[in-house]
Structure formats: structure tokens, C-alpha cells
Amino acid sequence: MRAGRPRGRSPHGPSAPQDGALKVAALYDIHGNLPALDAVLAGLDADVIVVGGDFAAGPWPAETLDRLRGLHGDVRFIRGNADRELAEPPKPQVEGGPPQEVLQWVRDRLSEEHLAFLSGLPLTETIEVDKLGRVLFCHATPRDDNEILTRMSPDQRWLAALDDADADVVVCGHTHVQFDRRVDGVRIVNAGSIGMPYETEPGAYWALLGPDVELHRTEYEPADIDAVGWPEEWPQATPDEATEFFERISRERA
């Protein structure tokens, strides 16, 4: 939902399939954490990259955006709540969302062209993946880039959010905790967060799809975000702490 901590290496674009099976890398919630992103890209072997939203709002916003847009091959972007909020006029603070002073710090480091790119991103992307079927990628849910649902949310709430989703698998992010569950025949995968994961081990968390779902963690050496003037302390939480926090907000919003 918000931003990531940082080392970096040269990124690779998606490669051609070697065995005829399409592989799709889901890179979510990078949050301007360029060193974490570079560590993932350095070892990435995928035909398609889906950038799953909330990728600019962090310590290296312009650099992260330029790195992603400079990748060769099939790279697709969808919007997250922070991407949309960066391109909109400032609004009142919402619990669980990025502080307005942080969003303004990021805006000040992005060009008008960057902000125009963010404002034009689609809500979802759908790809047919061998053995998985029709895979829908969204940031939070298929109907809303800021809706909060977790691995603990009741089936009924997930079913309401997926009501119009024509998909066998739905890949999301937003809450920065990886999970893989099924609701009424639909497989729901949270790819995790590259930039600011709420997990038990440090690293960059992401997912690879095709022909099954693989949840990955890439180790990297954090960089000093204070050196770039990042205006807040980097949030940390365990998966259970984050899930309980987001579940409470989700119930309050329902």
C-alpha cells in the first residue's frame, strides 16, 4: 500500500520463452525502492513483466519509474492507489494510506511527463497463462485500486469484489503480504511487495506465474534512504501485524 527500503544491479528485460510456456513476473509495490527492484531484475527470467502499481512513491521515484519504462520486451503497467494519488491534487489523509507530505515529496521529484504517465494507467491487465487460465492483475481488487482485502478476509467480501472479474486467477498486492488462497473456484494470489514487504524475513517479494504460481523472495543489501532525504521512518511489520491492521481498516470501511 505504501513505500520500500533499499543495492542495485543491471536490470534485464523479459526473455523469450524457452519451452513454449509463458512466464509472467508480477512486480508489485516497489515504492521507489530502486535497489530492491534492481536485485529482482538482475536474476529475472520472464516473458512478460506486470508492474502491479504503487511503484513510484518511495525514495527513488523518478529513477525507479525510468528504470521500469526503459526495460526491453513486454512490460505492462497497472495503477495503484499511490500512483493515482500522485497524479491527483492533494487530499485529506486516509488511515493506511501514504501521508500527504510523503506524496508531495515524491511529486516534487517527478516531472510533468512522469505524472502524466501515472495518470493514464489502467486499473487491470488480463493475460492468458498456460495451465493457469485467464489471469487478471489488479493492484487491490479488480474494481478498486484502494479496496483492502487480505488473506483473512471472509469469502463473502472477496466474492463481492470479484463479482465482475472474468478470471481463473486474480493477482493483487496493496497490503504487502504474500498469500495464495482460493475463493469459490478463483485462485487469489498476493504477489507481495518488492519495496516494503511486511514479512518475517527481509528481501524483495514478488511472484512468477506460469505454468503454476511461484512466490519469491530476493535478498539485497539495503541502501541509506536518509541520504536522499526520505521524509519518514520506513514502516515495518510482521505478516500477522499487517494483516490484522488492514483487516480492521477493511471492516471499518465496509
C-alpha atoms as a PDB file:
ATOM      1  CA  MET A   1       0.000   0.000   0.000  1.00  0.00           C
ATOM      2  CA  ARG A   2       2.859   2.421   0.667  1.00  0.00           C
ATOM      3  CA  ALA A   3       6.658   2.572   0.048  1.00  0.00           C
ATOM      4  CA  GLY A   4      10.151   0.373   0.266  1.00  0.00           C
ATOM      5  CA  ARG A   5      13.787   0.315   1.701  1.00  0.00           C
ATOM      6  CA  PRO A   6      16.910  -0.437  -0.202  1.00  0.00           C
ATOM      7  CA  ARG A   7      21.619  -2.097  -3.659  1.00  0.00           C
ATOM      8  CA  GLY A   8      21.335  -2.388  -7.239  1.00  0.00           C
ATOM      9  CA  ARG A   9      22.416  -4.240 -10.356  1.00  0.00           C
ATOM     10  CA  SER A  10      21.675  -4.010 -14.054  1.00  0.00           C
ATOM     11  CA  PRO A  11      18.082  -4.867 -14.960  1.00  0.00           C
ATOM     12  CA  HIS A  12      17.238  -7.425 -17.636  1.00  0.00           C
ATOM     13  CA  GLY A  13      14.122  -7.285 -19.783  1.00  0.00           C
ATOM     14  CA  PRO A  14      11.809 -10.255 -20.281  1.00  0.00           C
ATOM     15  CA  SER A  15      13.257 -13.098 -22.346  1.00  0.00           C
ATOM     16  CA  ALA A  16      11.637 -15.273 -24.990  1.00  0.00           C
ATOM     17  CA  PRO A  17      10.032 -18.500 -23.760  1.00  0.00           C
ATOM     18  CA  GLN A  18      12.403 -21.468 -23.935  1.00  0.00           C
ATOM     19  CA  ASP A  19       9.837 -24.251 -23.568  1.00  0.00           C
ATOM     20  CA  GLY A  20       6.726 -22.677 -25.061  1.00  0.00           C
ATOM     21  CA  ALA A  21       5.278 -21.855 -21.625  1.00  0.00           C
ATOM     22  CA  LEU A  22       4.651 -18.174 -20.970  1.00  0.00           C
ATOM     23  CA  LYS A  23       6.153 -16.867 -17.727  1.00  0.00           C
ATOM     24  CA  VAL A  24       4.790 -13.678 -16.217  1.00  0.00           C
ATOM     25  CA  ALA A  25       6.596 -11.815 -13.430  1.00  0.00           C
ATOM     26  CA  ALA A  26       4.332  -9.856 -11.087  1.00  0.00           C
ATOM     27  CA  LEU A  27       6.316  -6.979  -9.545  1.00  0.00           C
ATOM     28  CA  TYR A  28       4.150  -5.137  -7.057  1.00  0.00           C
ATOM     29  CA  ASP A  29       4.508  -2.316  -4.532  1.00  0.00           C
ATOM     30  CA  ILE A  30       8.057  -1.358  -5.483  1.00  0.00           C
ATOM     31  CA  HIS A  31       7.529   2.042  -3.903  1.00  0.00           C
ATOM     32  CA  GLY A  32      10.553   3.766  -5.360  1.00  0.00           C
ATOM     33  CA  ASN A  33      12.921   1.210  -3.875  1.00  0.00           C
ATOM     34  CA  LEU A  34      15.377   1.087  -6.756  1.00  0.00           C
ATOM     35  CA  PRO A  35      17.977  -1.182  -5.106  1.00  0.00           C
ATOM     36  CA  ALA A  36      15.333  -3.818  -4.341  1.00  0.00           C
ATOM     37  CA  LEU A  37      13.948  -3.603  -7.871  1.00  0.00           C
ATOM     38  CA  ASP A  38      17.399  -3.926  -9.438  1.00  0.00           C
ATOM     39  CA  ALA A  39      18.134  -7.017  -7.357  1.00  0.00           C
ATOM     40  CA  VAL A  40      14.976  -8.690  -8.683  1.00  0.00           C
ATOM     41  CA  LEU A  41      15.567  -7.610 -12.285  1.00  0.00           C
ATOM     42  CA  ALA A  42      19.147  -8.892 -12.218  1.00  0.00           C
ATOM     43  CA  GLY A  43      18.001 -12.506 -11.932  1.00  0.00           C
ATOM     44  CA  LEU A  44      14.627 -12.276 -13.616  1.00  0.00           C
ATOM     45  CA  ASP A  45      13.682 -14.784 -16.331  1.00  0.00           C
ATOM     46  CA  ALA A  46      10.223 -13.910 -17.644  1.00  0.00           C
ATOM     47  CA  ASP A  47       8.454 -13.257 -20.937  1.00  0.00           C
ATOM     48  CA  VAL A  48       6.123 -10.586 -19.564  1.00  0.00           C
ATOM     49  CA  ILE A  49       6.549  -8.212 -16.636  1.00  0.00           C
ATOM     50  CA  VAL A  50       3.440  -6.803 -14.980  1.00  0.00           C
ATOM     51  CA  VAL A  51       4.197  -3.803 -12.775  1.00  0.00           C
ATOM     52  CA  GLY A  52       1.360  -4.032 -10.297  1.00  0.00           C
ATOM     53  CA  GLY A  53       1.010  -0.497  -9.039  1.00  0.00           C
ATOM     54  CA  ASP A  54       2.499   1.680  -6.280  1.00  0.00           C
ATOM     55  CA  PHE A  55       5.896   1.663  -7.929  1.00  0.00           C
ATOM     56  CA  ALA A  56       6.953   5.330  -7.798  1.00  0.00           C
ATOM     57  CA  ALA A  57       6.074   6.525  -4.284  1.00  0.00           C
ATOM     58  CA  GLY A  58       9.350   5.980  -2.448  1.00  0.00           C
ATOM     59  CA  PRO A  59      12.940   7.190  -2.044  1.00  0.00           C
ATOM     60  CA  TRP A  60      13.952   6.955  -5.737  1.00  0.00           C
ATOM     61  CA  PRO A  61      10.708   7.764  -7.582  1.00  0.00           C
ATOM     62  CA  ALA A  62      11.964   9.131 -10.916  1.00  0.00           C
ATOM     63  CA  GLU A  63      14.827   6.653 -11.112  1.00  0.00           C
ATOM     64  CA  THR A  64      12.512   3.718 -10.446  1.00  0.00           C
ATOM     65  CA  LEU A  65       9.953   4.887 -12.993  1.00  0.00           C
ATOM     66  CA  ASP A  66      12.642   5.438 -15.629  1.00  0.00           C
ATOM     67  CA  ARG A  67      14.209   2.041 -14.951  1.00  0.00           C
ATOM     68  CA  LEU A  68      10.892   0.251 -15.415  1.00  0.00           C
ATOM     69  CA  ARG A  69       9.942   2.182 -18.536  1.00  0.00           C
ATOM     70  CA  GLY A  70      13.392   1.556 -20.000  1.00  0.00           C
ATOM     71  CA  LEU A  71      13.128  -2.218 -19.828  1.00  0.00           C
ATOM     72  CA  HIS A  72      13.071  -4.098 -23.126  1.00  0.00           C
ATOM     73  CA  GLY A  73      10.357  -6.580 -24.003  1.00  0.00           C
ATOM     74  CA  ASP A  74       6.756  -6.885 -22.877  1.00  0.00           C
ATOM     75  CA  VAL A  75       6.307  -4.708 -19.773  1.00  0.00           C
ATOM     76  CA  ARG A  76       2.782  -3.754 -18.697  1.00  0.00           C
ATOM     77  CA  PHE A  77       1.754  -1.277 -16.016  1.00  0.00           C
ATOM     78  CA  ILE A  78      -1.373  -1.051 -13.902  1.00  0.00           C
ATOM     79  CA  ARG A  79      -2.136   1.686 -11.427  1.00  0.00           C
ATOM     80  CA  GLY A  80      -2.022   1.517  -7.668  1.00  0.00           C
ATOM     81  CA  ASN A  81      -3.655   3.913  -5.252  1.00  0.00           C
ATOM     82  CA  ALA A  82      -0.400   5.795  -4.658  1.00  0.00           C
ATOM     83  CA  ASP A  83       0.239   6.181  -8.407  1.00  0.00           C
ATOM     84  CA  ARG A  84      -3.214   7.676  -8.858  1.00  0.00           C
ATOM     85  CA  GLU A  85      -2.855   9.904  -5.782  1.00  0.00           C
ATOM     86  CA  LEU A  86       0.479  11.256  -7.030  1.00  0.00           C
ATOM     87  CA  ALA A  87      -1.230  12.447 -10.203  1.00  0.00           C
ATOM     88  CA  GLU A  88      -4.183  13.996  -8.337  1.00  0.00           C
ATOM     89  CA  PRO A  89      -4.399  17.172  -6.241  1.00  0.00           C
ATOM     90  CA  PRO A  90      -3.596  16.580  -2.545  1.00  0.00           C
ATOM     91  CA  LYS A  91      -6.441  15.151  -0.471  1.00  0.00           C
ATOM     92  CA  PRO A  92      -7.049  14.602   3.257  1.00  0.00           C
ATOM     93  CA  GLN A  93      -5.042  11.847   4.904  1.00  0.00           C
ATOM     94  CA  VAL A  94      -6.624   8.358   4.932  1.00  0.00           C
ATOM     95  CA  GLU A  95      -5.620   5.749   7.518  1.00  0.00           C
ATOM     96  CA  GLY A  96      -3.411   3.098   5.954  1.00  0.00           C
ATOM     97  CA  GLY A  97      -2.534   5.323   3.007  1.00  0.00           C
ATOM     98  CA  PRO A  98       0.626   7.316   2.277  1.00  0.00           C
ATOM     99  CA  PRO A  99       0.967  10.590   4.226  1.00  0.00           C
ATOM    100  CA  GLN A 100       0.321  13.666   2.107  1.00  0.00           C
ATOM    101  CA  GLU A 101       3.725  15.137   2.947  1.00  0.00           C
ATOM    102  CA  VAL A 102       5.361  11.986   1.601  1.00  0.00           C
ATOM    103  CA  LEU A 103       3.312  12.123  -1.599  1.00  0.00           C
ATOM    104  CA  GLN A 104       4.308  15.761  -2.055  1.00  0.00           C
ATOM    105  CA  TRP A 105       7.990  14.890  -1.527  1.00  0.00           C
ATOM    106  CA  VAL A 106       7.644  12.328  -4.306  1.00  0.00           C
ATOM    107  CA  ARG A 107       5.720  14.705  -6.616  1.00  0.00           C
ATOM    108  CA  ASP A 108       8.498  17.257  -6.288  1.00  0.00           C
ATOM    109  CA  ARG A 109      10.925  14.689  -7.733  1.00  0.00           C
ATOM    110  CA  LEU A 110       8.794  13.672 -10.695  1.00  0.00           C
ATOM    111  CA  SER A 111       8.424  15.533 -13.979  1.00  0.00           C
ATOM    112  CA  GLU A 112       5.127  16.560 -15.533  1.00  0.00           C
ATOM    113  CA  GLU A 113       5.660  13.778 -18.066  1.00  0.00           C
ATOM    114  CA  HIS A 114       6.099  11.258 -15.250  1.00  0.00           C
ATOM    115  CA  LEU A 115       2.864  12.395 -13.612  1.00  0.00           C
ATOM    116  CA  ALA A 116       1.003  12.273 -16.929  1.00  0.00           C
ATOM    117  CA  PHE A 117       2.169   8.678 -17.398  1.00  0.00           C
ATOM    118  CA  LEU A 118       0.914   7.741 -13.927  1.00  0.00           C
ATOM    119  CA  SER A 119      -2.458   9.392 -14.531  1.00  0.00           C
ATOM    120  CA  GLY A 120      -3.096   7.274 -17.625  1.00  0.00           C
ATOM    121  CA  LEU A 121      -2.508   3.816 -16.155  1.00  0.00           C
ATOM    122  CA  PRO A 122      -5.277   1.193 -16.401  1.00  0.00           C
ATOM    123  CA  LEU A 123      -6.909  -0.443 -13.394  1.00  0.00           C
ATOM    124  CA  THR A 124      -6.348  -4.036 -14.544  1.00  0.00           C
ATOM    125  CA  GLU A 125      -4.477  -6.214 -17.040  1.00  0.00           C
ATOM    126  CA  THR A 126      -5.501  -9.712 -18.159  1.00  0.00           C
ATOM    127  CA  ILE A 127      -3.181 -12.364 -19.616  1.00  0.00           C
ATOM    128  CA  GLU A 128      -3.865 -15.949 -20.633  1.00  0.00           C
ATOM    129  CA  VAL A 129      -1.268 -18.155 -18.918  1.00  0.00           C
ATOM    130  CA  ASP A 130      -0.800 -21.836 -19.768  1.00  0.00           C
ATOM    131  CA  LYS A 131      -2.079 -24.184 -17.021  1.00  0.00           C
ATOM    132  CA  LEU A 132      -3.451 -21.245 -15.011  1.00  0.00           C
ATOM    133  CA  GLY A 133      -6.012 -19.898 -17.464  1.00  0.00           C
ATOM    134  CA  ARG A 134      -7.199 -16.316 -17.548  1.00  0.00           C
ATOM    135  CA  VAL A 135      -5.125 -14.285 -15.068  1.00  0.00           C
ATOM    136  CA  LEU A 136      -6.343 -10.847 -14.025  1.00  0.00           C
ATOM    137  CA  PHE A 137      -3.802  -8.478 -12.484  1.00  0.00           C
ATOM    138  CA  CYS A 138      -5.027  -5.646 -10.265  1.00  0.00           C
ATOM    139  CA  HIS A 139      -3.466  -3.603  -7.501  1.00  0.00           C
ATOM    140  CA  ALA A 140      -6.030  -4.093  -4.733  1.00  0.00           C
ATOM    141  CA  THR A 141      -9.189  -5.595  -6.246  1.00  0.00           C
ATOM    142  CA  PRO A 142     -10.490  -5.658  -9.839  1.00  0.00           C
ATOM    143  CA  ARG A 143     -12.964  -2.879  -9.061  1.00  0.00           C
ATOM    144  CA  ASP A 144     -10.939  -0.515  -6.853  1.00  0.00           C
ATOM    145  CA  ASP A 145      -7.223   0.305  -6.525  1.00  0.00           C
ATOM    146  CA  ASN A 146      -7.625   1.112  -2.816  1.00  0.00           C
ATOM    147  CA  GLU A 147     -10.003  -1.592  -1.552  1.00  0.00           C
ATOM    148  CA  ILE A 148      -8.492  -3.552   1.331  1.00  0.00           C
ATOM    149  CA  LEU A 149      -8.873  -7.323   1.413  1.00  0.00           C
ATOM    150  CA  THR A 150      -6.415  -9.754   2.983  1.00  0.00           C
ATOM    151  CA  ARG A 151      -5.689 -13.468   3.314  1.00  0.00           C
ATOM    152  CA  MET A 152      -8.043 -13.427   6.336  1.00  0.00           C
ATOM    153  CA  SER A 153     -10.961 -11.568   4.744  1.00  0.00           C
ATOM    154  CA  PRO A 154     -14.214 -13.564   4.612  1.00  0.00           C
ATOM    155  CA  ASP A 155     -15.095 -15.270   1.348  1.00  0.00           C
ATOM    156  CA  GLN A 156     -18.232 -13.116   1.004  1.00  0.00           C
ATOM    157  CA  ARG A 157     -16.206  -9.894   0.863  1.00  0.00           C
ATOM    158  CA  TRP A 158     -13.847 -11.345  -1.713  1.00  0.00           C
ATOM    159  CA  LEU A 159     -16.761 -12.642  -3.783  1.00  0.00           C
ATOM    160  CA  ALA A 160     -18.318  -9.176  -3.843  1.00  0.00           C
ATOM    161  CA  ALA A 161     -15.032  -7.659  -5.024  1.00  0.00           C
ATOM    162  CA  LEU A 162     -14.605 -10.340  -7.702  1.00  0.00           C
ATOM    163  CA  ASP A 163     -18.208 -10.276  -8.873  1.00  0.00           C
ATOM    164  CA  ASP A 164     -17.485  -8.926 -12.361  1.00  0.00           C
ATOM    165  CA  ALA A 165     -13.997 -10.419 -12.715  1.00  0.00           C
ATOM    166  CA  ASP A 166     -13.785 -12.914 -15.578  1.00  0.00           C
ATOM    167  CA  ALA A 167     -10.707 -14.762 -14.372  1.00  0.00           C
ATOM    168  CA  ASP A 168      -9.386 -18.081 -13.114  1.00  0.00           C
ATOM    169  CA  VAL A 169      -6.633 -16.358 -11.131  1.00  0.00           C
ATOM    170  CA  VAL A 170      -6.574 -12.854  -9.662  1.00  0.00           C
ATOM    171  CA  VAL A 171      -3.175 -11.374  -8.757  1.00  0.00           C
ATOM    172  CA  CYS A 172      -3.147  -8.437  -6.352  1.00  0.00           C
ATOM    173  CA  GLY A 173      -0.875  -6.570  -3.963  1.00  0.00           C
ATOM    174  CA  HIS A 174      -1.655  -3.451  -1.887  1.00  0.00           C
ATOM    175  CA  THR A 175      -1.286  -4.982   1.592  1.00  0.00           C
ATOM    176  CA  HIS A 176       2.378  -6.024   1.147  1.00  0.00           C
ATOM    177  CA  VAL A 177       1.848  -9.594   2.435  1.00  0.00           C
ATOM    178  CA  GLN A 178       2.158 -12.595   0.117  1.00  0.00           C
ATOM    179  CA  PHE A 179      -0.592 -15.208   0.128  1.00  0.00           C
ATOM    180  CA  ASP A 180      -2.226 -17.767  -2.127  1.00  0.00           C
ATOM    181  CA  ARG A 181      -5.845 -18.793  -1.437  1.00  0.00           C
ATOM    182  CA  ARG A 182      -8.986 -19.881  -3.268  1.00  0.00           C
ATOM    183  CA  VAL A 183     -12.469 -18.401  -3.075  1.00  0.00           C
ATOM    184  CA  ASP A 184     -15.305 -20.168  -4.876  1.00  0.00           C
ATOM    185  CA  GLY A 185     -13.018 -21.586  -7.569  1.00  0.00           C
ATOM    186  CA  VAL A 186     -10.968 -18.417  -8.114  1.00  0.00           C
ATOM    187  CA  ARG A 187      -7.325 -18.512  -7.072  1.00  0.00           C
ATOM    188  CA  ILE A 188      -6.276 -15.251  -5.396  1.00  0.00           C
ATOM    189  CA  VAL A 189      -2.551 -14.524  -5.220  1.00  0.00           C
ATOM    190  CA  ASN A 190      -0.961 -11.593  -3.445  1.00  0.00           C
ATOM    191  CA  ALA A 191       2.434 -11.098  -5.113  1.00  0.00           C
ATOM    192  CA  GLY A 192       3.850  -9.321  -2.061  1.00  0.00           C
ATOM    193  CA  SER A 193       5.900  -6.135  -2.048  1.00  0.00           C
ATOM    194  CA  ILE A 194       9.302  -5.616  -3.619  1.00  0.00           C
ATOM    195  CA  GLY A 195       9.945  -2.318  -1.891  1.00  0.00           C
ATOM    196  CA  MET A 196       8.356  -2.526   1.541  1.00  0.00           C
ATOM    197  CA  PRO A 197       7.237  -6.059   2.439  1.00  0.00           C
ATOM    198  CA  TYR A 198       5.550  -6.894   5.698  1.00  0.00           C
ATOM    199  CA  GLU A 199       7.163 -10.300   6.063  1.00  0.00           C
ATOM    200  CA  THR A 200       9.223 -12.248   8.570  1.00  0.00           C
ATOM    201  CA  GLU A 201      12.442 -12.084   6.510  1.00  0.00           C
ATOM    202  CA  PRO A 202      13.955  -9.067   4.758  1.00  0.00           C
ATOM    203  CA  GLY A 203      14.100  -9.010   0.981  1.00  0.00           C
ATOM    204  CA  ALA A 204      12.101  -8.149  -2.123  1.00  0.00           C
ATOM    205  CA  TYR A 205       8.922 -10.222  -2.521  1.00  0.00           C
ATOM    206  CA  TRP A 206       7.345 -10.957  -5.904  1.00  0.00           C
ATOM    207  CA  ALA A 207       5.604 -13.691  -7.894  1.00  0.00           C
ATOM    208  CA  LEU A 208       6.187 -15.678 -11.085  1.00  0.00           C
ATOM    209  CA  LEU A 209       3.228 -17.176 -12.920  1.00  0.00           C
ATOM    210  CA  GLY A 210       3.297 -19.980 -15.482  1.00  0.00           C
ATOM    211  CA  PRO A 211       2.701 -22.823 -15.540  1.00  0.00           C
ATOM    212  CA  ASP A 212       1.951 -22.544 -11.776  1.00  0.00           C
ATOM    213  CA  VAL A 213       2.331 -19.789  -9.192  1.00  0.00           C
ATOM    214  CA  GLU A 214       5.710 -19.292  -7.505  1.00  0.00           C
ATOM    215  CA  LEU A 215       6.086 -16.835  -4.625  1.00  0.00           C
ATOM    216  CA  HIS A 216       9.643 -15.490  -4.494  1.00  0.00           C
ATOM    217  CA  ARG A 217      11.899 -13.575  -2.131  1.00  0.00           C
ATOM    218  CA  THR A 218      15.088 -11.900  -3.428  1.00  0.00           C
ATOM    219  CA  GLU A 219      17.774 -10.824  -0.989  1.00  0.00           C
ATOM    220  CA  TYR A 220      19.520  -7.486  -1.434  1.00  0.00           C
ATOM    221  CA  GLU A 221      21.663  -5.056   0.537  1.00  0.00           C
ATOM    222  CA  PRO A 222      19.623  -2.083   1.836  1.00  0.00           C
ATOM    223  CA  ALA A 223      20.831   1.410   0.998  1.00  0.00           C
ATOM    224  CA  ASP A 224      20.615   4.511   3.146  1.00  0.00           C
ATOM    225  CA  ILE A 225      17.305   6.190   2.381  1.00  0.00           C
ATOM    226  CA  ASP A 226      18.119   9.014   4.786  1.00  0.00           C
ATOM    227  CA  ALA A 227      20.846  10.094   2.356  1.00  0.00           C
ATOM    228  CA  VAL A 228      18.223  11.039  -0.233  1.00  0.00           C
ATOM    229  CA  GLY A 229      16.120  12.944   2.296  1.00  0.00           C
ATOM    230  CA  TRP A 230      13.262  10.474   2.630  1.00  0.00           C
ATOM    231  CA  PRO A 231      10.830  12.287   4.970  1.00  0.00           C
ATOM    232  CA  GLU A 232       9.549   9.461   7.200  1.00  0.00           C
ATOM    233  CA  GLU A 233      10.740   6.375   9.031  1.00  0.00           C
ATOM    234  CA  TRP A 234      10.471   3.199   6.999  1.00  0.00           C
ATOM    235  CA  PRO A 235       7.434   1.155   8.173  1.00  0.00           C
ATOM    236  CA  GLN A 236       7.980  -2.408   9.344  1.00  0.00           C
ATOM    237  CA  ALA A 237       5.541  -5.081  10.431  1.00  0.00           C
ATOM    238  CA  THR A 238       5.150  -8.842  10.564  1.00  0.00           C
ATOM    239  CA  PRO A 239       2.620 -10.518   8.234  1.00  0.00           C
ATOM    240  CA  ASP A 240       0.210 -11.049  11.128  1.00  0.00           C
ATOM    241  CA  GLU A 241       0.533  -7.473  12.380  1.00  0.00           C
ATOM    242  CA  ALA A 242      -0.033  -6.040   8.913  1.00  0.00           C
ATOM    243  CA  THR A 243      -2.952  -8.361   8.188  1.00  0.00           C
ATOM    244  CA  GLU A 244      -4.677  -7.509  11.473  1.00  0.00           C
ATOM    245  CA  PHE A 245      -4.159  -3.791  10.832  1.00  0.00           C
ATOM    246  CA  PHE A 246      -5.562  -3.918   7.307  1.00  0.00           C
ATOM    247  CA  GLU A 247      -8.429  -6.197   8.319  1.00  0.00           C
ATOM    248  CA  ARG A 248      -9.508  -3.656  10.923  1.00  0.00           C
ATOM    249  CA  ILE A 249      -9.482  -0.858   8.364  1.00  0.00           C
ATOM    250  CA  SER A 250     -11.332  -3.060   5.885  1.00  0.00           C
ATOM    251  CA  ARG A 251     -14.094  -3.819   8.394  1.00  0.00           C
ATOM    252  CA  GLU A 252     -14.410  -0.138   9.274  1.00  0.00           C
ATOM    253  CA  ARG A 253     -14.774   0.808   5.607  1.00  0.00           C
ATOM    254  CA  ALA A 254     -17.282  -1.952   4.816  1.00  0.00           C
END
